[in-house]
Amino acid sequence: MGILDGKKLLITGVLTDASLAFGVARLAQEEGAEIVLTGAGRGLRLTERTARKLPTAPMVLELDVTDPAQVASVREALGEQLGTVDGALHAIGFMPEIGLGEDFMAAQWDDIAVGFQISAYSLKTIGEVVAPLMPDGGSIVGLDFDARMAWPAYNWMGVAKAGLEAACRYLAKALGPQRIRVNLVAAGPIRTIAAKSIPGFKEFEDAWDGRAPLGWDVNDSEGVARSCVALLSDWFPQTTGELIHVDGGFHAMGV
């Protein structure tokens, strides 16, 4: 008997089997959940192929979080397929190349506005999708990278993550009366396709294991998956608006 027995979950952000969201999806199924995945644009077919690597191949819906029509159609499809929803994983992020690297002053608003919509505002969009399907409450979990400090090369994505963290708190406030919890998991650096798009990602890899008191393996996302699954379960009934670090303890160490 798993901790997600009988749960119905929406999981975004599965692109390849190296995606953090894939690890969550796999473990969620192993813990008894029924899941539906989403993909977007040119990545949709890749999501569909990757879905077949899960223990049970789930339905995959197209969801571009910048398209209101797709947001509405996914909500309708979930209602038809699942009836109700118990949880959702927000694992969506994007920043144009000009918003990454070391030249913080290079990007203009028009260059990076879509990055903020996809990386931060979309947490509210996922809430719009699933909250109407959560009559008995539920859990929304987002994947984050600690935005309390300025990181090498992360640049405007770091600012977007700060927006995501604020959105988590306000969404928790807005949905709390419906008994819907909203939390973030701040993961340490993991080698994913998204990580490879960040110039200088090797700097994170080099620094992390030496400073994290529990150590850190950039190829091991199991701890992140377990934390997300725990938050999607009923084991954190009074936790919302929280940022939980799964980084080997790196965030707590000084220079």
Protein backbone atom coordinates (compact mmCIF):
# COMPACT_ATOMS: atom_id res chain seq x y z
CA MET A 1 0.00 0.00 0.00
CA GLY A 2 1.50 3.31 -1.12
CA ILE A 3 1.15 6.79 0.35
CA LEU A 4 -0.58 7.96 -2.84
CA ASP A 5 -3.08 5.13 -3.16
CA GLY A 6 -6.20 6.43 -4.86
CA LYS A 7 -4.67 9.84 -5.63
CA LYS A 8 -5.10 11.45 -9.04
CA LEU A 9 -2.28 13.76 -10.07
CA LEU A 10 -1.40 16.15 -12.87
CA ILE A 11 2.34 16.23 -13.55
CA THR A 12 3.96 18.83 -15.79
CA GLY A 13 7.54 19.09 -16.97
CA VAL A 14 8.35 15.51 -18.04
CA LEU A 15 10.58 15.84 -21.08
CA THR A 16 13.08 12.99 -20.77
CA ASP A 17 13.70 10.30 -18.18
CA ALA A 18 16.37 12.60 -16.71
CA SER A 19 13.73 15.23 -15.89
CA LEU A 20 13.07 15.81 -12.22
CA ALA A 21 9.37 15.50 -13.03
CA PHE A 22 9.93 12.02 -14.48
CA GLY A 23 11.33 10.83 -11.16
CA VAL A 24 8.28 12.23 -9.39
CA ALA A 25 5.92 10.63 -11.91
CA ARG A 26 7.59 7.22 -11.59
CA LEU A 27 7.58 7.25 -7.81
CA ALA A 28 4.01 8.57 -7.70
CA GLN A 29 2.86 5.58 -9.76
CA GLU A 30 4.82 3.20 -7.58
CA GLU A 31 3.08 4.74 -4.54
CA GLY A 32 -0.36 4.11 -6.05
CA ALA A 33 -1.27 7.31 -7.91
CA GLU A 34 -3.02 7.64 -11.22
CA ILE A 35 -1.25 10.35 -13.20
CA VAL A 36 -1.74 12.50 -16.26
CA LEU A 37 1.24 14.24 -17.88
CA THR A 38 1.42 17.43 -19.92
CA GLY A 39 3.77 18.52 -22.66
CA ALA A 40 4.01 21.61 -24.82
CA GLY A 41 5.02 22.63 -28.30
CA ARG A 42 7.88 20.77 -29.91
CA GLY A 43 8.49 18.90 -26.67
CA LEU A 44 5.08 17.23 -26.69
CA ARG A 45 6.18 14.24 -28.75
CA LEU A 46 9.22 13.79 -26.54
CA THR A 47 6.95 13.79 -23.49
CA GLU A 48 4.73 11.19 -25.16
CA ARG A 49 7.73 8.94 -25.87
CA THR A 50 9.10 9.36 -22.36
CA ALA A 51 5.69 8.56 -20.86
CA ARG A 52 6.04 5.03 -22.23
CA LYS A 53 9.06 4.50 -19.98
CA LEU A 54 6.94 4.81 -16.85
CA PRO A 55 5.60 1.69 -15.10
CA THR A 56 2.18 2.44 -16.65
CA ALA A 57 2.02 4.73 -19.67
CA PRO A 58 -0.26 7.65 -18.70
CA MET A 59 -2.36 10.00 -20.78
CA VAL A 60 -0.43 13.02 -22.08
CA LEU A 61 -2.22 16.33 -22.65
CA GLU A 62 -0.92 19.36 -24.49
CA LEU A 63 -0.55 22.35 -22.18
CA ASP A 64 1.08 25.60 -23.20
CA VAL A 65 0.64 27.70 -20.05
CA THR A 66 0.70 30.88 -22.13
CA ASP A 67 -2.40 29.77 -24.11
CA PRO A 68 -5.71 30.30 -22.22
CA ALA A 69 -7.54 27.98 -24.62
CA GLN A 70 -5.21 25.09 -23.77
CA VAL A 71 -5.53 25.82 -20.04
CA ALA A 72 -9.31 25.49 -20.34
CA SER A 73 -9.13 22.36 -22.51
CA VAL A 74 -6.76 20.60 -20.09
CA ARG A 75 -9.05 21.37 -17.16
CA GLU A 76 -11.98 19.95 -19.14
CA ALA A 77 -10.02 16.85 -20.19
CA LEU A 78 -8.91 16.20 -16.62
CA GLY A 79 -12.49 16.43 -15.45
CA GLU A 80 -13.57 13.95 -18.08
CA GLN A 81 -10.66 11.56 -17.49
CA LEU A 82 -10.22 11.73 -13.71
CA GLY A 83 -13.36 13.39 -12.38
CA THR A 84 -11.46 15.02 -9.54
CA VAL A 85 -7.78 15.83 -8.96
CA ASP A 86 -5.84 15.46 -5.72
CA GLY A 87 -2.53 17.05 -6.64
CA ALA A 88 -0.36 18.70 -9.25
CA LEU A 89 3.36 19.07 -9.86
CA HIS A 90 4.54 22.36 -11.35
CA ALA A 91 7.87 21.61 -13.04
CA ILE A 92 7.76 24.28 -15.72
CA GLY A 93 10.51 26.78 -16.42
CA PHE A 94 11.94 28.71 -19.32
CA MET A 95 14.17 31.74 -19.84
CA PRO A 96 15.43 32.99 -23.22
CA GLU A 97 19.16 32.74 -23.71
CA ILE A 98 19.66 36.48 -23.31
CA GLY A 99 18.28 36.19 -19.78
CA LEU A 100 20.99 33.73 -18.75
CA GLY A 101 24.75 34.09 -18.44
CA GLU A 102 26.63 36.92 -16.76
CA ASP A 103 25.36 40.06 -18.54
CA PHE A 104 22.42 41.02 -16.34
CA MET A 105 21.96 44.35 -18.15
CA ALA A 106 21.63 42.88 -21.65
CA ALA A 107 18.01 41.73 -21.49
CA GLN A 108 15.11 44.07 -22.15
CA TRP A 109 11.63 43.34 -20.78
CA ASP A 110 10.30 42.20 -24.13
CA ASP A 111 13.16 39.68 -24.30
CA ILE A 112 12.34 37.96 -21.03
CA ALA A 113 8.66 38.61 -20.29
CA VAL A 114 7.69 35.16 -21.56
CA GLY A 115 10.25 33.65 -19.19
CA PHE A 116 8.47 35.19 -16.22
CA GLN A 117 5.09 34.02 -17.47
CA ILE A 118 6.26 30.44 -17.91
CA SER A 119 8.55 30.20 -14.88
CA ALA A 120 6.57 32.12 -12.23
CA TYR A 121 3.06 33.21 -13.22
CA SER A 122 2.30 29.69 -14.47
CA LEU A 123 2.10 28.42 -10.87
CA LYS A 124 -1.16 30.37 -10.65
CA THR A 125 -2.12 28.98 -14.07
CA ILE A 126 -1.73 25.42 -12.79
CA GLY A 127 -3.89 26.45 -9.84
CA GLU A 128 -6.54 27.58 -12.32
CA VAL A 129 -6.40 24.18 -13.98
CA VAL A 130 -6.70 21.97 -10.92
CA ALA A 131 -8.35 23.96 -8.12
CA PRO A 132 -11.86 23.63 -9.60
CA LEU A 133 -11.30 19.85 -9.66
CA MET A 134 -10.29 19.65 -5.98
CA PRO A 135 -13.59 19.68 -4.06
CA ASP A 136 -11.99 17.95 -1.08
CA GLY A 137 -8.75 19.93 -1.10
CA GLY A 138 -5.42 18.88 -2.49
CA SER A 139 -1.75 19.71 -2.96
CA ILE A 140 0.17 21.73 -5.53
CA VAL A 141 3.95 21.26 -5.45
CA GLY A 142 6.43 23.29 -7.47
CA LEU A 143 10.08 22.69 -8.24
CA ASP A 144 12.35 25.60 -7.38
CA PHE A 145 16.00 26.65 -7.16
CA ASP A 146 16.66 28.77 -4.08
CA ALA A 147 16.29 32.42 -5.11
CA ARG A 148 17.56 34.07 -1.93
CA MET A 149 20.95 34.82 -3.44
CA ALA A 150 22.45 35.69 -6.82
CA TRP A 151 23.90 32.62 -8.53
CA PRO A 152 26.52 32.51 -11.29
CA ALA A 153 24.92 32.55 -14.77
CA TYR A 154 21.35 32.13 -13.44
CA ASN A 155 20.66 35.80 -14.01
CA TRP A 156 17.00 36.60 -14.84
CA MET A 157 15.91 33.03 -14.15
CA GLY A 158 16.93 33.66 -10.57
CA VAL A 159 14.64 36.69 -10.51
CA ALA A 160 11.84 34.59 -12.00
CA LYS A 161 12.38 31.97 -9.29
CA ALA A 162 12.04 34.68 -6.67
CA GLY A 163 8.72 35.49 -8.29
CA LEU A 164 7.77 31.81 -8.15
CA GLU A 165 8.50 31.74 -4.42
CA ALA A 166 6.32 34.80 -3.81
CA ALA A 167 3.58 33.31 -6.03
CA CYS A 168 3.68 30.16 -3.90
CA ARG A 169 2.92 32.12 -0.76
CA TYR A 170 0.12 34.15 -2.33
CA LEU A 171 -1.41 31.11 -4.02
CA ALA A 172 -1.29 29.27 -0.69
CA LYS A 173 -3.18 32.22 0.84
CA ALA A 174 -5.74 32.28 -1.98
CA LEU A 175 -6.42 28.53 -2.07
CA GLY A 176 -6.10 27.75 1.63
CA PRO A 177 -9.83 28.20 2.29
CA GLN A 178 -10.39 25.39 -0.24
CA ARG A 179 -7.95 23.21 1.74
CA ILE A 180 -5.49 23.27 -1.14
CA ARG A 181 -1.86 23.34 -0.03
CA VAL A 182 0.84 25.00 -2.14
CA ASN A 183 4.53 24.32 -1.48
CA LEU A 184 7.87 24.42 -3.27
CA VAL A 185 10.84 22.06 -3.22
CA ALA A 186 14.16 23.86 -3.72
CA ALA A 187 16.35 21.19 -5.26
CA GLY A 188 20.10 21.19 -5.53
CA PRO A 189 21.60 21.05 -9.03
CA ILE A 190 20.67 17.95 -11.04
CA ARG A 191 21.88 17.18 -14.56
CA THR A 192 18.77 17.67 -16.67
CA ILE A 193 18.13 19.19 -20.09
CA ALA A 194 17.06 22.39 -18.33
CA ALA A 195 20.33 22.50 -16.38
CA LYS A 196 22.36 22.07 -19.54
CA SER A 197 20.80 25.25 -20.93
CA ILE A 198 22.37 27.30 -18.12
CA PRO A 199 25.83 28.64 -19.01
CA GLY A 200 28.30 27.84 -16.27
CA PHE A 201 26.21 25.04 -14.73
CA LYS A 202 29.50 23.23 -14.05
CA GLU A 203 30.20 25.85 -11.36
CA PHE A 204 27.19 24.59 -9.40
CA GLU A 205 28.33 21.00 -9.74
CA ASP A 206 31.85 21.80 -8.56
CA ALA A 207 30.70 23.77 -5.52
CA TRP A 208 27.81 21.72 -4.26
CA ASP A 209 29.25 18.41 -3.13
CA GLY A 210 32.10 20.02 -1.25
CA ARG A 211 29.82 22.29 0.81
CA ALA A 212 26.69 20.21 1.29
CA PRO A 213 27.07 18.41 4.65
CA LEU A 214 25.13 15.40 3.37
CA GLY A 215 27.01 15.42 0.09
CA TRP A 216 25.36 15.82 -3.29
CA ASP A 217 25.18 13.70 -6.46
CA VAL A 218 24.11 15.70 -9.52
CA ASN A 219 22.95 12.47 -11.17
CA ASP A 220 20.65 11.36 -8.33
CA SER A 221 17.19 12.93 -8.18
CA GLU A 222 15.61 10.33 -5.89
CA GLY A 223 15.61 12.60 -2.84
CA VAL A 224 13.80 15.32 -4.78
CA ALA A 225 11.20 12.85 -6.04
CA ARG A 226 10.55 11.48 -2.56
CA SER A 227 10.08 14.94 -1.10
CA CYS A 228 7.62 15.94 -3.83
CA VAL A 229 5.65 12.71 -3.44
CA ALA A 230 5.50 13.21 0.33
CA LEU A 231 4.09 16.72 -0.17
CA LEU A 232 1.55 15.40 -2.67
CA SER A 233 0.40 12.84 -0.12
CA ASP A 234 -1.69 13.41 3.02
CA TRP A 235 1.40 13.42 5.26
CA PHE A 236 1.76 17.23 5.33
CA PRO A 237 -1.83 18.29 6.04
CA GLN A 238 -0.94 21.57 7.77
CA THR A 239 2.00 22.69 5.61
CA THR A 240 1.45 25.36 2.96
CA GLY A 241 3.32 28.34 1.55
CA GLU A 242 6.55 26.55 2.43
CA LEU A 243 9.91 26.25 0.68
CA ILE A 244 11.55 22.92 1.49
CA HIS A 245 15.23 22.54 0.63
CA VAL A 246 16.36 19.23 -0.81
CA ASP A 247 19.97 20.16 -1.43
CA GLY A 248 22.08 18.11 0.93
CA GLY A 249 22.08 21.02 3.38
CA PHE A 250 24.02 23.37 1.08
CA HIS A 251 21.64 26.29 1.77
CA ALA A 252 22.42 26.26 5.51
CA MET A 253 26.20 26.53 5.20
CA GLY A 254 28.23 29.76 5.31
CA VAL A 255 31.25 30.65 3.22
